[in-house]
Amino acid sequence: LLEAAMLLLVLYGPFSGFLPEPRHELFAQALAISYVFVA
């Protein structure tokens, strides 16, 4: 759960705007949400 929350924080956290864009942004967002649900 901690890993899934940190992955979600990387994409949607307050510092996400200062980080480089993901290679596949839409897929990365779906991946983080799915991982949280599975966790």
PDB file of all heavy atoms in Angstrom:
ATOM      1  N   LEU A   1       0.831  -1.206   0.000  1.00  0.00           N
ATOM      2  CA  LEU A   1       0.000   0.000   0.000  1.00  0.00           C
ATOM      3  C   LEU A   1       0.865   1.254   0.000  1.00  0.00           C
ATOM      4  O   LEU A   1       0.551   2.259  -0.677  1.00  0.00           O
ATOM      5  CB  LEU A   1      -0.918  -0.004   1.233  1.00  0.00           C
ATOM      6  CG  LEU A   1      -2.161  -0.905   1.186  1.00  0.00           C
ATOM      7  CD1 LEU A   1      -2.892  -0.865   2.520  1.00  0.00           C
ATOM      8  CD2 LEU A   1      -3.096  -0.455   0.063  1.00  0.00           C
ATOM      9  N   LEU A   2       1.965   1.196   0.772  1.00  0.00           N
ATOM     10  CA  LEU A   2       2.880   2.347   0.794  1.00  0.00           C
ATOM     11  C   LEU A   2       3.502   2.575  -0.574  1.00  0.00           C
ATOM     12  O   LEU A   2       3.602   3.729  -1.054  1.00  0.00           O
ATOM     13  CB  LEU A   2       3.970   2.106   1.843  1.00  0.00           C
ATOM     14  CG  LEU A   2       5.075   3.168   1.929  1.00  0.00           C
ATOM     15  CD1 LEU A   2       4.491   4.524   2.352  1.00  0.00           C
ATOM     16  CD2 LEU A   2       6.162   2.751   2.919  1.00  0.00           C
ATOM     17  N   GLU A   3       3.894   1.500  -1.253  1.00  0.00           N
ATOM     18  CA  GLU A   3       4.481   1.636  -2.593  1.00  0.00           C
ATOM     19  C   GLU A   3       3.467   2.235  -3.573  1.00  0.00           C
ATOM     20  O   GLU A   3       3.795   3.139  -4.370  1.00  0.00           O
ATOM     21  CB  GLU A   3       4.926   0.261  -3.094  1.00  0.00           C
ATOM     22  CG  GLU A   3       6.173  -0.264  -2.421  1.00  0.00           C
ATOM     23  CD  GLU A   3       6.562  -1.632  -2.951  1.00  0.00           C
ATOM     24  OE1 GLU A   3       5.655  -2.484  -3.109  1.00  0.00           O
ATOM     25  OE2 GLU A   3       7.756  -1.857  -3.199  1.00  0.00           O
ATOM     26  N   ALA A   4       2.236   1.729  -3.532  1.00  0.00           N
ATOM     27  CA  ALA A   4       1.206   2.242  -4.446  1.00  0.00           C
ATOM     28  C   ALA A   4       0.913   3.714  -4.154  1.00  0.00           C
ATOM     29  O   ALA A   4       0.716   4.532  -5.087  1.00  0.00           O
ATOM     30  CB  ALA A   4      -0.064   1.405  -4.307  1.00  0.00           C
ATOM     31  N   ALA A   5       0.894   4.077  -2.857  1.00  0.00           N
ATOM     32  CA  ALA A   5       0.627   5.478  -2.502  1.00  0.00           C
ATOM     33  C   ALA A   5       1.757   6.386  -2.975  1.00  0.00           C
ATOM     34  O   ALA A   5       1.507   7.515  -3.458  1.00  0.00           O
ATOM     35  CB  ALA A   5       0.440   5.582  -0.985  1.00  0.00           C
ATOM     36  N   MET A   6       3.005   5.929  -2.852  1.00  0.00           N
ATOM     37  CA  MET A   6       4.133   6.758  -3.297  1.00  0.00           C
ATOM     38  C   MET A   6       4.135   6.904  -4.812  1.00  0.00           C
ATOM     39  O   MET A   6       4.457   7.991  -5.348  1.00  0.00           O
ATOM     40  CB  MET A   6       5.445   6.131  -2.816  1.00  0.00           C
ATOM     41  CG  MET A   6       5.634   6.187  -1.306  1.00  0.00           C
ATOM     42  SD  MET A   6       7.244   5.578  -0.781  1.00  0.00           S
ATOM     43  CE  MET A   6       8.310   6.816  -1.499  1.00  0.00           C
ATOM     44  N   LEU A   7       3.756   5.822  -5.525  1.00  0.00           N
ATOM     45  CA  LEU A   7       3.688   5.916  -6.981  1.00  0.00           C
ATOM     46  C   LEU A   7       2.601   6.903  -7.383  1.00  0.00           C
ATOM     47  O   LEU A   7       2.783   7.718  -8.326  1.00  0.00           O
ATOM     48  CB  LEU A   7       3.403   4.533  -7.566  1.00  0.00           C
ATOM     49  CG  LEU A   7       3.386   4.445  -9.101  1.00  0.00           C
ATOM     50  CD1 LEU A   7       4.746   4.849  -9.673  1.00  0.00           C
ATOM     51  CD2 LEU A   7       3.016   3.031  -9.548  1.00  0.00           C
ATOM     52  N   LEU A   8       1.473   6.874  -6.679  1.00  0.00           N
ATOM     53  CA  LEU A   8       0.398   7.822  -6.961  1.00  0.00           C
ATOM     54  C   LEU A   8       0.828   9.247  -6.611  1.00  0.00           C
ATOM     55  O   LEU A   8       0.449  10.219  -7.293  1.00  0.00           O
ATOM     56  CB  LEU A   8      -0.846   7.426  -6.152  1.00  0.00           C
ATOM     57  CG  LEU A   8      -2.196   7.961  -6.650  1.00  0.00           C
ATOM     58  CD1 LEU A   8      -2.490   7.415  -8.046  1.00  0.00           C
ATOM     59  CD2 LEU A   8      -3.302   7.555  -5.687  1.00  0.00           C
ATOM     60  N   LEU A   9       1.639   9.396  -5.548  1.00  0.00           N
ATOM     61  CA  LEU A   9       2.112  10.720  -5.140  1.00  0.00           C
ATOM     62  C   LEU A   9       3.058  11.318  -6.173  1.00  0.00           C
ATOM     63  O   LEU A   9       3.077  12.547  -6.395  1.00  0.00           O
ATOM     64  CB  LEU A   9       2.815  10.613  -3.781  1.00  0.00           C
ATOM     65  CG  LEU A   9       3.243  11.932  -3.127  1.00  0.00           C
ATOM     66  CD1 LEU A   9       2.010  12.780  -2.797  1.00  0.00           C
ATOM     67  CD2 LEU A   9       4.041  11.658  -1.850  1.00  0.00           C
ATOM     68  N   VAL A  10       3.864  10.445  -6.814  1.00  0.00           N
ATOM     69  CA  VAL A  10       4.784  10.932  -7.839  1.00  0.00           C
ATOM     70  C   VAL A  10       4.011  11.550  -9.001  1.00  0.00           C
ATOM     71  O   VAL A  10       4.413  12.575  -9.580  1.00  0.00           O
ATOM     72  CB  VAL A  10       5.694   9.787  -8.320  1.00  0.00           C
ATOM     73  CG1 VAL A  10       6.467  10.205  -9.577  1.00  0.00           C
ATOM     74  CG2 VAL A  10       6.649   9.386  -7.227  1.00  0.00           C
ATOM     75  N   LEU A  11       2.869  10.986  -9.350  1.00  0.00           N
ATOM     76  CA  LEU A  11       2.111  11.454 -10.501  1.00  0.00           C
ATOM     77  C   LEU A  11       1.136  12.576 -10.148  1.00  0.00           C
ATOM     78  O   LEU A  11       0.884  13.468 -10.980  1.00  0.00           O
ATOM     79  CB  LEU A  11       1.337  10.287 -11.125  1.00  0.00           C
ATOM     80  CG  LEU A  11       2.188   9.152 -11.718  1.00  0.00           C
ATOM     81  CD1 LEU A  11       1.308   8.029 -12.225  1.00  0.00           C
ATOM     82  CD2 LEU A  11       3.083   9.693 -12.843  1.00  0.00           C
ATOM     83  N   TYR A  12       0.570  12.542  -8.942  1.00  0.00           N
ATOM     84  CA  TYR A  12      -0.473  13.494  -8.589  1.00  0.00           C
ATOM     85  C   TYR A  12      -0.126  14.337  -7.364  1.00  0.00           C
ATOM     86  O   TYR A  12      -0.967  15.094  -6.898  1.00  0.00           O
ATOM     87  CB  TYR A  12      -1.789  12.745  -8.317  1.00  0.00           C
ATOM     88  CG  TYR A  12      -2.332  12.033  -9.521  1.00  0.00           C
ATOM     89  CD1 TYR A  12      -2.152  10.673  -9.659  1.00  0.00           C
ATOM     90  CD2 TYR A  12      -3.029  12.735 -10.506  1.00  0.00           C
ATOM     91  CE1 TYR A  12      -2.652  10.001 -10.762  1.00  0.00           C
ATOM     92  CE2 TYR A  12      -3.545  12.066 -11.608  1.00  0.00           C
ATOM     93  CZ  TYR A  12      -3.348  10.703 -11.743  1.00  0.00           C
ATOM     94  OH  TYR A  12      -3.852  10.046 -12.822  1.00  0.00           O
ATOM     95  N   GLY A  13       1.067  14.259  -6.858  1.00  0.00           N
ATOM     96  CA  GLY A  13       1.434  14.995  -5.670  1.00  0.00           C
ATOM     97  C   GLY A  13       1.716  16.466  -5.965  1.00  0.00           C
ATOM     98  O   GLY A  13       1.733  16.909  -7.132  1.00  0.00           O
ATOM     99  N   PRO A  14       1.963  17.249  -4.923  1.00  0.00           N
ATOM    100  CA  PRO A  14       2.213  18.691  -5.109  1.00  0.00           C
ATOM    101  C   PRO A  14       3.495  18.990  -5.874  1.00  0.00           C
ATOM    102  O   PRO A  14       3.639  20.081  -6.434  1.00  0.00           O
ATOM    103  CB  PRO A  14       2.276  19.220  -3.669  1.00  0.00           C
ATOM    104  CG  PRO A  14       2.594  18.019  -2.828  1.00  0.00           C
ATOM    105  CD  PRO A  14       1.990  16.858  -3.515  1.00  0.00           C
ATOM    106  N   PHE A  15       4.440  18.023  -5.916  1.00  0.00           N
ATOM    107  CA  PHE A  15       5.709  18.269  -6.616  1.00  0.00           C
ATOM    108  C   PHE A  15       5.741  17.609  -7.984  1.00  0.00           C
ATOM    109  O   PHE A  15       6.802  17.535  -8.616  1.00  0.00           O
ATOM    110  CB  PHE A  15       6.885  17.748  -5.782  1.00  0.00           C
ATOM    111  CG  PHE A  15       6.972  18.388  -4.419  1.00  0.00           C
ATOM    112  CD1 PHE A  15       6.512  17.723  -3.286  1.00  0.00           C
ATOM    113  CD2 PHE A  15       7.486  19.677  -4.276  1.00  0.00           C
ATOM    114  CE1 PHE A  15       6.591  18.315  -2.046  1.00  0.00           C
ATOM    115  CE2 PHE A  15       7.555  20.268  -3.025  1.00  0.00           C
ATOM    116  CZ  PHE A  15       7.100  19.589  -1.904  1.00  0.00           C
ATOM    117  N   SER A  16       4.584  17.094  -8.433  1.00  0.00           N
ATOM    118  CA  SER A  16       4.572  16.417  -9.734  1.00  0.00           C
ATOM    119  C   SER A  16       4.866  17.367 -10.883  1.00  0.00           C
ATOM    120  O   SER A  16       5.403  16.966 -11.924  1.00  0.00           O
ATOM    121  CB  SER A  16       3.204  15.746  -9.958  1.00  0.00           C
ATOM    122  OG  SER A  16       2.158  16.728  -9.913  1.00  0.00           O
ATOM    123  N   GLY A  17       4.551  18.670 -10.715  1.00  0.00           N
ATOM    124  CA  GLY A  17       4.805  19.636 -11.790  1.00  0.00           C
ATOM    125  C   GLY A  17       6.280  19.933 -11.981  1.00  0.00           C
ATOM    126  O   GLY A  17       6.679  20.438 -13.039  1.00  0.00           O
ATOM    127  N   PHE A  18       7.109  19.685 -10.969  1.00  0.00           N
ATOM    128  CA  PHE A  18       8.542  19.956 -11.074  1.00  0.00           C
ATOM    129  C   PHE A  18       9.325  18.763 -11.614  1.00  0.00           C
ATOM    130  O   PHE A  18      10.540  18.871 -11.809  1.00  0.00           O
ATOM    131  CB  PHE A  18       9.109  20.329  -9.699  1.00  0.00           C
ATOM    132  CG  PHE A  18       8.454  21.552  -9.104  1.00  0.00           C
ATOM    133  CD1 PHE A  18       7.414  21.439  -8.198  1.00  0.00           C
ATOM    134  CD2 PHE A  18       8.866  22.834  -9.497  1.00  0.00           C
ATOM    135  CE1 PHE A  18       6.810  22.545  -7.653  1.00  0.00           C
ATOM    136  CE2 PHE A  18       8.261  23.954  -8.954  1.00  0.00           C
ATOM    137  CZ  PHE A  18       7.225  23.820  -8.032  1.00  0.00           C
ATOM    138  N   LEU A  19       8.642  17.625 -11.805  1.00  0.00           N
ATOM    139  CA  LEU A  19       9.317  16.418 -12.285  1.00  0.00           C
ATOM    140  C   LEU A  19       9.130  16.294 -13.785  1.00  0.00           C
ATOM    141  O   LEU A  19       8.158  16.799 -14.350  1.00  0.00           O
ATOM    142  CB  LEU A  19       8.742  15.178 -11.586  1.00  0.00           C
ATOM    143  CG  LEU A  19       8.912  15.130 -10.053  1.00  0.00           C
ATOM    144  CD1 LEU A  19       8.227  13.893  -9.489  1.00  0.00           C
ATOM    145  CD2 LEU A  19      10.398  15.141  -9.681  1.00  0.00           C
ATOM    146  N   PRO A  20      10.055  15.609 -14.470  1.00  0.00           N
ATOM    147  CA  PRO A  20       9.906  15.390 -15.916  1.00  0.00           C
ATOM    148  C   PRO A  20       8.632  14.620 -16.226  1.00  0.00           C
ATOM    149  O   PRO A  20       8.125  13.856 -15.407  1.00  0.00           O
ATOM    150  CB  PRO A  20      11.160  14.590 -16.290  1.00  0.00           C
ATOM    151  CG  PRO A  20      12.137  14.878 -15.188  1.00  0.00           C
ATOM    152  CD  PRO A  20      11.334  15.085 -13.948  1.00  0.00           C
ATOM    153  N   GLU A  21       8.110  14.822 -17.402  1.00  0.00           N
ATOM    154  CA  GLU A  21       6.904  14.141 -17.819  1.00  0.00           C
ATOM    155  C   GLU A  21       7.174  12.637 -17.970  1.00  0.00           C
ATOM    156  O   GLU A  21       8.242  12.237 -18.423  1.00  0.00           O
ATOM    157  CB  GLU A  21       6.414  14.703 -19.162  1.00  0.00           C
ATOM    158  CG  GLU A  21       5.891  16.130 -19.062  1.00  0.00           C
ATOM    159  CD  GLU A  21       4.590  16.194 -18.284  1.00  0.00           C
ATOM    160  OE1 GLU A  21       3.834  15.194 -18.282  1.00  0.00           O
ATOM    161  OE2 GLU A  21       4.332  17.244 -17.655  1.00  0.00           O
ATOM    162  N   PRO A  22       6.206  11.805 -17.615  1.00  0.00           N
ATOM    163  CA  PRO A  22       6.364  10.348 -17.826  1.00  0.00           C
ATOM    164  C   PRO A  22       6.478  10.038 -19.303  1.00  0.00           C
ATOM    165  O   PRO A  22       6.052  10.812 -20.163  1.00  0.00           O
ATOM    166  CB  PRO A  22       5.088   9.756 -17.221  1.00  0.00           C
ATOM    167  CG  PRO A  22       4.563  10.811 -16.287  1.00  0.00           C
ATOM    168  CD  PRO A  22       4.957  12.131 -16.894  1.00  0.00           C
ATOM    169  N   ARG A  23       7.046   8.866 -19.589  1.00  0.00           N
ATOM    170  CA  ARG A  23       7.237   8.471 -20.974  1.00  0.00           C
ATOM    171  C   ARG A  23       5.872   8.258 -21.646  1.00  0.00           C
ATOM    172  O   ARG A  23       5.680   8.646 -22.794  1.00  0.00           O
ATOM    173  CB  ARG A  23       8.087   7.204 -21.035  1.00  0.00           C
ATOM    174  CG  ARG A  23       8.352   6.753 -22.464  1.00  0.00           C
ATOM    175  CD  ARG A  23       9.340   5.581 -22.514  1.00  0.00           C
ATOM    176  NE  ARG A  23      10.693   6.049 -22.240  1.00  0.00           N
ATOM    177  CZ  ARG A  23      11.496   5.585 -21.293  1.00  0.00           C
ATOM    178  NH1 ARG A  23      11.043   4.640 -20.459  1.00  0.00           N
ATOM    179  NH2 ARG A  23      12.723   6.049 -21.138  1.00  0.00           N
ATOM    180  N   HIS A  24       4.950   7.647 -20.949  1.00  0.00           N
ATOM    181  CA  HIS A  24       3.595   7.457 -21.431  1.00  0.00           C
ATOM    182  C   HIS A  24       2.677   7.926 -20.316  1.00  0.00           C
ATOM    183  O   HIS A  24       2.331   7.156 -19.418  1.00  0.00           O
ATOM    184  CB  HIS A  24       3.319   5.986 -21.776  1.00  0.00           C
ATOM    185  CG  HIS A  24       4.312   5.401 -22.744  1.00  0.00           C
ATOM    186  ND1 HIS A  24       4.290   5.717 -24.108  1.00  0.00           N
ATOM    187  CD2 HIS A  24       5.365   4.555 -22.563  1.00  0.00           C
ATOM    188  CE1 HIS A  24       5.273   5.063 -24.712  1.00  0.00           C
ATOM    189  NE2 HIS A  24       5.947   4.354 -23.795  1.00  0.00           N
ATOM    190  N   GLU A  25       2.291   9.176 -20.342  1.00  0.00           N
ATOM    191  CA  GLU A  25       1.609   9.782 -19.207  1.00  0.00           C
ATOM    192  C   GLU A  25       0.271   9.113 -18.895  1.00  0.00           C
ATOM    193  O   GLU A  25      -0.019   8.778 -17.740  1.00  0.00           O
ATOM    194  CB  GLU A  25       1.387  11.278 -19.486  1.00  0.00           C
ATOM    195  CG  GLU A  25       0.757  12.003 -18.296  1.00  0.00           C
ATOM    196  CD  GLU A  25       0.668  13.513 -18.545  1.00  0.00           C
ATOM    197  OE1 GLU A  25       1.079  13.955 -19.633  1.00  0.00           O
ATOM    198  OE2 GLU A  25       0.161  14.224 -17.645  1.00  0.00           O
ATOM    199  N   LEU A  26      -0.574   8.917 -19.885  1.00  0.00           N
ATOM    200  CA  LEU A  26      -1.881   8.333 -19.653  1.00  0.00           C
ATOM    201  C   LEU A  26      -1.772   6.898 -19.112  1.00  0.00           C
ATOM    202  O   LEU A  26      -2.468   6.502 -18.180  1.00  0.00           O
ATOM    203  CB  LEU A  26      -2.704   8.359 -20.951  1.00  0.00           C
ATOM    204  CG  LEU A  26      -4.154   7.869 -20.832  1.00  0.00           C
ATOM    205  CD1 LEU A  26      -4.934   8.730 -19.826  1.00  0.00           C
ATOM    206  CD2 LEU A  26      -4.836   7.880 -22.204  1.00  0.00           C
ATOM    207  N   PHE A  27      -0.838   6.167 -19.697  1.00  0.00           N
ATOM    208  CA  PHE A  27      -0.634   4.783 -19.235  1.00  0.00           C
ATOM    209  C   PHE A  27      -0.091   4.748 -17.808  1.00  0.00           C
ATOM    210  O   PHE A  27      -0.475   3.904 -17.001  1.00  0.00           O
ATOM    211  CB  PHE A  27       0.326   4.066 -20.190  1.00  0.00           C
ATOM    212  CG  PHE A  27       0.588   2.638 -19.814  1.00  0.00           C
ATOM    213  CD1 PHE A  27      -0.374   1.654 -19.994  1.00  0.00           C
ATOM    214  CD2 PHE A  27       1.814   2.271 -19.246  1.00  0.00           C
ATOM    215  CE1 PHE A  27      -0.125   0.335 -19.641  1.00  0.00           C
ATOM    216  CE2 PHE A  27       2.058   0.971 -18.885  1.00  0.00           C
ATOM    217  CZ  PHE A  27       1.095  -0.019 -19.089  1.00  0.00           C
ATOM    218  N   ALA A  28       0.798   5.726 -17.506  1.00  0.00           N
ATOM    219  CA  ALA A  28       1.374   5.782 -16.153  1.00  0.00           C
ATOM    220  C   ALA A  28       0.291   6.098 -15.125  1.00  0.00           C
ATOM    221  O   ALA A  28       0.279   5.518 -14.017  1.00  0.00           O
ATOM    222  CB  ALA A  28       2.476   6.832 -16.101  1.00  0.00           C
ATOM    223  N   GLN A  29      -0.619   6.994 -15.456  1.00  0.00           N
ATOM    224  CA  GLN A  29      -1.695   7.322 -14.514  1.00  0.00           C
ATOM    225  C   GLN A  29      -2.613   6.121 -14.288  1.00  0.00           C
ATOM    226  O   GLN A  29      -3.006   5.800 -13.152  1.00  0.00           O
ATOM    227  CB  GLN A  29      -2.495   8.505 -15.050  1.00  0.00           C
ATOM    228  CG  GLN A  29      -1.709   9.803 -15.086  1.00  0.00           C
ATOM    229  CD  GLN A  29      -2.470  10.923 -15.742  1.00  0.00           C
ATOM    230  OE1 GLN A  29      -3.563  10.716 -16.297  1.00  0.00           O
ATOM    231  NE2 GLN A  29      -1.919  12.148 -15.703  1.00  0.00           N
ATOM    232  N   ALA A  30      -2.996   5.439 -15.382  1.00  0.00           N
ATOM    233  CA  ALA A  30      -3.836   4.246 -15.253  1.00  0.00           C
ATOM    234  C   ALA A  30      -3.116   3.153 -14.455  1.00  0.00           C
ATOM    235  O   ALA A  30      -3.722   2.426 -13.647  1.00  0.00           O
ATOM    236  CB  ALA A  30      -4.221   3.731 -16.640  1.00  0.00           C
ATOM    237  N   LEU A  31      -1.796   3.060 -14.667  1.00  0.00           N
ATOM    238  CA  LEU A  31      -1.000   2.049 -13.954  1.00  0.00           C
ATOM    239  C   LEU A  31      -0.987   2.331 -12.457  1.00  0.00           C
ATOM    240  O   LEU A  31      -1.162   1.423 -11.637  1.00  0.00           O
ATOM    241  CB  LEU A  31       0.426   2.061 -14.516  1.00  0.00           C
ATOM    242  CG  LEU A  31       1.368   0.990 -13.963  1.00  0.00           C
ATOM    243  CD1 LEU A  31       0.955  -0.388 -14.453  1.00  0.00           C
ATOM    244  CD2 LEU A  31       2.805   1.295 -14.402  1.00  0.00           C
ATOM    245  N   ALA A  32      -0.798   3.583 -12.063  1.00  0.00           N
ATOM    246  CA  ALA A  32      -0.750   3.933 -10.631  1.00  0.00           C
ATOM    247  C   ALA A  32      -2.094   3.688  -9.957  1.00  0.00           C
ATOM    248  O   ALA A  32      -2.162   3.144  -8.839  1.00  0.00           O
ATOM    249  CB  ALA A  32      -0.333   5.400 -10.485  1.00  0.00           C
ATOM    250  N   ILE A  33      -3.179   4.087 -10.642  1.00  0.00           N
ATOM    251  CA  ILE A  33      -4.514   3.877 -10.043  1.00  0.00           C
ATOM    252  C   ILE A  33      -4.819   2.387  -9.923  1.00  0.00           C
ATOM    253  O   ILE A  33      -5.359   1.918  -8.909  1.00  0.00           O
ATOM    254  CB  ILE A  33      -5.571   4.602 -10.889  1.00  0.00           C
ATOM    255  CG1 ILE A  33      -5.339   6.130 -10.839  1.00  0.00           C
ATOM    256  CG2 ILE A  33      -6.976   4.263 -10.392  1.00  0.00           C
ATOM    257  CD1 ILE A  33      -6.255   6.913 -11.766  1.00  0.00           C
ATOM    258  N   SER A  34      -4.476   1.628 -10.954  1.00  0.00           N
ATOM    259  CA  SER A  34      -4.725   0.184 -10.908  1.00  0.00           C
ATOM    260  C   SER A  34      -3.912  -0.477  -9.796  1.00  0.00           C
ATOM    261  O   SER A  34      -4.406  -1.387  -9.098  1.00  0.00           O
ATOM    262  CB  SER A  34      -4.362  -0.447 -12.260  1.00  0.00           C
ATOM    263  OG  SER A  34      -5.139   0.111 -13.292  1.00  0.00           O
ATOM    264  N   TYR A  35      -2.662  -0.037  -9.615  1.00  0.00           N
ATOM    265  CA  TYR A  35      -1.817  -0.640  -8.569  1.00  0.00           C
ATOM    266  C   TYR A  35      -2.396  -0.358  -7.179  1.00  0.00           C
ATOM    267  O   TYR A  35      -2.386  -1.215  -6.295  1.00  0.00           O
ATOM    268  CB  TYR A  35      -0.398  -0.096  -8.693  1.00  0.00           C
ATOM    269  CG  TYR A  35       0.591  -0.825  -7.809  1.00  0.00           C
ATOM    270  CD1 TYR A  35       0.485  -2.190  -7.571  1.00  0.00           C
ATOM    271  CD2 TYR A  35       1.646  -0.135  -7.206  1.00  0.00           C
ATOM    272  CE1 TYR A  35       1.405  -2.853  -6.782  1.00  0.00           C
ATOM    273  CE2 TYR A  35       2.563  -0.788  -6.403  1.00  0.00           C
ATOM    274  CZ  TYR A  35       2.442  -2.160  -6.194  1.00  0.00           C
ATOM    275  OH  TYR A  35       3.335  -2.809  -5.392  1.00  0.00           O
ATOM    276  N   VAL A  36      -2.940   0.856  -6.984  1.00  0.00           N
ATOM    277  CA  VAL A  36      -3.565   1.179  -5.698  1.00  0.00           C
ATOM    278  C   VAL A  36      -4.770   0.268  -5.455  1.00  0.00           C
ATOM    279  O   VAL A  36      -4.966  -0.268  -4.346  1.00  0.00           O
ATOM    280  CB  VAL A  36      -3.985   2.661  -5.653  1.00  0.00           C
ATOM    281  CG1 VAL A  36      -4.850   2.938  -4.422  1.00  0.00           C
ATOM    282  CG2 VAL A  36      -2.761   3.557  -5.648  1.00  0.00           C
ATOM    283  N   PHE A  37      -5.571   0.086  -6.515  1.00  0.00           N
ATOM    284  CA  PHE A  37      -6.766  -0.761  -6.369  1.00  0.00           C
ATOM    285  C   PHE A  37      -6.367  -2.210  -6.027  1.00  0.00           C
ATOM    286  O   PHE A  37      -6.949  -2.838  -5.128  1.00  0.00           O
ATOM    287  CB  PHE A  37      -7.567  -0.709  -7.679  1.00  0.00           C
ATOM    288  CG  PHE A  37      -8.793  -1.581  -7.663  1.00  0.00           C
ATOM    289  CD1 PHE A  37      -9.922  -1.221  -6.939  1.00  0.00           C
ATOM    290  CD2 PHE A  37      -8.804  -2.781  -8.375  1.00  0.00           C
ATOM    291  CE1 PHE A  37     -11.044  -2.031  -6.935  1.00  0.00           C
ATOM    292  CE2 PHE A  37      -9.924  -3.585  -8.372  1.00  0.00           C
ATOM    293  CZ  PHE A  37     -11.048  -3.213  -7.645  1.00  0.00           C
ATOM    294  N   VAL A  38      -5.356  -2.734  -6.732  1.00  0.00           N
ATOM    295  CA  VAL A  38      -4.904  -4.111  -6.466  1.00  0.00           C
ATOM    296  C   VAL A  38      -4.306  -4.219  -5.067  1.00  0.00           C
ATOM    297  O   VAL A  38      -4.535  -5.201  -4.345  1.00  0.00           O
ATOM    298  CB  VAL A  38      -3.894  -4.546  -7.536  1.00  0.00           C
ATOM    299  CG1 VAL A  38      -3.248  -5.873  -7.164  1.00  0.00           C
ATOM    300  CG2 VAL A  38      -4.578  -4.656  -8.900  1.00  0.00           C
ATOM    301  N   ALA A  39      -3.553  -3.209  -4.637  1.00  0.00           N
ATOM    302  CA  ALA A  39      -2.943  -3.233  -3.299  1.00  0.00           C
ATOM    303  C   ALA A  39      -4.009  -3.234  -2.207  1.00  0.00           C
ATOM    304  O   ALA A  39      -3.872  -3.925  -1.188  1.00  0.00           O
ATOM    305  CB  ALA A  39      -2.011  -2.033  -3.136  1.00  0.00           C
TER     306      ALA A  39
END
